[in-house]
Protein backbone atom coordinates (compact mmCIF):
# COMPACT_ATOMS: atom_id res chain seq x y z
CA MET A 1 -118.76 55.10 4.44
CA ARG A 2 -117.19 57.73 6.63
CA SER A 3 -115.95 59.85 3.77
CA GLY A 4 -118.95 59.46 1.49
CA ALA A 5 -119.64 63.20 1.49
CA LEU A 6 -116.08 63.96 0.44
CA GLN A 7 -116.06 61.25 -2.20
CA ALA A 8 -119.25 62.56 -3.77
CA HIS A 9 -117.41 65.80 -4.64
CA ASP A 10 -114.25 64.16 -5.95
CA PRO A 11 -114.68 63.29 -9.63
CA GLY A 12 -111.55 61.12 -9.47
CA VAL A 13 -113.10 58.92 -6.78
CA GLU A 14 -116.37 58.72 -8.68
CA ARG A 15 -114.52 57.74 -11.86
CA ARG A 16 -112.49 55.06 -10.04
CA ASN A 17 -115.65 53.66 -8.43
CA SER A 18 -117.35 53.56 -11.82
CA GLU A 19 -114.32 51.88 -13.40
CA PHE A 20 -114.20 49.27 -10.63
CA ASP A 21 -117.94 48.65 -10.92
CA SER A 22 -117.42 48.02 -14.63
CA ILE A 23 -114.64 45.51 -13.87
CA LEU A 24 -116.82 43.80 -11.26
CA LEU A 25 -119.87 43.60 -13.53
CA SER A 26 -117.90 42.29 -16.50
CA SER A 27 -116.27 39.70 -14.21
CA ILE A 28 -119.68 38.58 -12.95
CA MET A 29 -120.99 38.28 -16.49
CA LYS A 30 -117.90 36.39 -17.71
CA VAL A 31 -118.14 33.91 -14.83
CA SER A 32 -121.90 33.51 -15.32
CA LEU A 33 -121.44 32.77 -19.00
CA GLY A 34 -118.65 30.32 -18.25
CA VAL A 35 -120.57 28.49 -15.54
CA PHE A 36 -124.08 28.50 -17.01
CA GLY A 37 -123.74 29.23 -20.71
CA GLN A 38 -125.48 32.12 -22.49
CA ASP A 39 -129.11 31.05 -22.15
CA THR A 40 -129.00 29.94 -18.52
CA ALA A 41 -126.95 32.98 -17.47
CA GLU A 42 -129.61 35.22 -19.03
CA ILE A 43 -132.34 33.30 -17.20
CA VAL A 44 -130.54 33.58 -13.84
CA ILE A 45 -129.95 37.33 -14.24
CA SER A 46 -133.54 37.88 -15.43
CA TYR A 47 -134.90 35.86 -12.52
CA MET A 48 -132.90 37.99 -10.09
CA GLU A 49 -134.41 41.08 -11.66
CA TYR A 50 -137.87 39.53 -11.40
CA LEU A 51 -137.34 38.72 -7.70
CA SER A 52 -135.93 42.07 -6.66
CA GLY A 53 -135.90 44.60 -9.47
CA LEU A 54 -132.09 44.34 -9.61
CA LYS A 55 -131.12 45.31 -13.14
CA ARG A 56 -127.95 43.93 -14.71
CA GLU A 57 -126.34 47.37 -14.90
CA ASP A 58 -126.93 47.89 -11.16
CA ILE A 59 -125.41 44.61 -9.97
CA ALA A 60 -121.99 46.03 -9.08
CA ALA A 61 -123.45 49.00 -7.21
CA ARG A 62 -125.79 46.70 -5.27
CA ILE A 63 -123.40 43.81 -4.74
CA GLU A 64 -124.89 42.87 -1.34
CA LEU A 65 -128.29 42.30 -2.96
CA PHE A 66 -126.65 40.34 -5.79
CA LYS A 67 -124.95 38.07 -3.25
CA GLU A 68 -128.25 37.53 -1.42
CA LEU A 69 -130.09 36.73 -4.65
CA LEU A 70 -127.33 34.45 -5.85
CA GLY A 71 -127.76 32.44 -2.65
CA GLU A 72 -131.52 32.29 -3.12
CA VAL A 73 -131.24 31.14 -6.72
CA LEU A 74 -128.26 28.79 -6.48
CA GLY A 75 -128.22 27.72 -2.84
CA SER A 76 -124.83 26.31 -1.85
CA GLY A 77 -123.67 26.63 -5.46
CA ALA A 78 -123.53 30.39 -4.97
CA ALA A 79 -120.25 30.03 -3.07
CA VAL A 80 -118.59 28.49 -6.14
CA VAL A 81 -119.73 31.35 -8.37
CA GLU A 82 -118.62 33.89 -5.76
CA ARG A 83 -115.12 32.38 -5.58
CA LEU A 84 -114.84 32.40 -9.37
CA VAL A 85 -115.95 36.04 -9.53
CA VAL A 86 -113.38 37.02 -6.90
CA LYS A 87 -110.63 35.21 -8.82
CA GLU A 88 -111.67 36.93 -12.05
CA VAL A 89 -111.78 40.41 -10.49
CA TYR A 90 -108.38 40.02 -8.86
CA SER A 91 -106.95 38.58 -12.08
CA ARG A 92 -108.13 41.63 -14.01
CA LEU A 93 -106.45 43.83 -11.41
CA GLY A 94 -103.20 41.86 -11.73
CA MET A 95 -103.47 40.63 -8.15
CA ARG A 96 -103.65 37.26 -6.47
CA ALA A 97 -107.10 36.52 -5.06
CA PRO A 98 -107.25 36.23 -1.28
CA GLU A 99 -108.01 32.91 0.37
CA VAL A 100 -111.16 34.15 2.10
CA ASP A 101 -114.68 32.83 1.88
CA ASP A 102 -116.29 36.23 2.45
CA PHE A 103 -117.32 37.41 -1.01
CA LEU A 104 -118.28 40.92 0.05
CA LEU A 105 -115.05 41.42 1.99
CA ALA A 106 -112.96 40.21 -0.95
CA VAL A 107 -114.82 42.55 -3.34
CA SER A 108 -114.40 45.45 -0.90
CA HIS A 109 -110.67 44.78 -0.60
CA ALA A 110 -110.36 44.65 -4.40
CA LYS A 111 -112.22 47.94 -4.75
CA ASN A 112 -109.98 49.60 -2.15
CA ALA A 113 -106.83 48.22 -3.79
CA TYR A 114 -108.03 49.49 -7.17
CA ALA A 115 -108.72 52.95 -5.73
CA ARG A 116 -105.27 53.10 -4.12
CA LEU A 117 -103.59 51.95 -7.33
CA LYS A 118 -105.42 54.46 -9.50
CA GLY A 119 -104.92 57.22 -6.92
CA ALA A 120 -101.18 56.55 -6.91
CA GLU A 121 -101.15 56.62 -10.72
CA MET A 122 -102.85 60.00 -10.68
CA GLU A 123 -100.27 61.37 -8.23
CA LEU A 124 -97.41 60.08 -10.37
CA LEU A 125 -98.91 61.75 -13.43
CA GLY A 126 -99.23 65.05 -11.59
CA SER A 127 -103.00 65.23 -11.76
CA PRO A 128 -104.46 68.62 -10.74
CA SER A 129 -106.55 66.82 -8.12
CA ALA A 130 -103.32 65.52 -6.53
CA GLU A 131 -101.91 69.01 -6.09
CA GLY A 132 -102.54 70.70 -2.82
């Protein structure tokens, strides 16, 4: 993150990151419930927390660890869940999911697209942070 220091002082960026993390987490939970059902989804998430200390509310912020744990818990089945999560995230953003197998890259692209979209909205609305 080259501009991490600048982003830390921009409440608009922090808000957009938080909003995207919420979209990502709710997408992960929706897919988990759809794939596993309520009880098994809870067991999988709890087991991930047991293995690593990764709490549900921190999954989006620590997506690399989530991906690693998903692979440990589900093996090759993790790729299916990852693809479904990517499709759900992009659907919520009104975008077509990319045809890539790299979960982290797809999530990163979605986050960047969301930030650009929201940043453009703020400029159109004449946000004080857009004035220079």
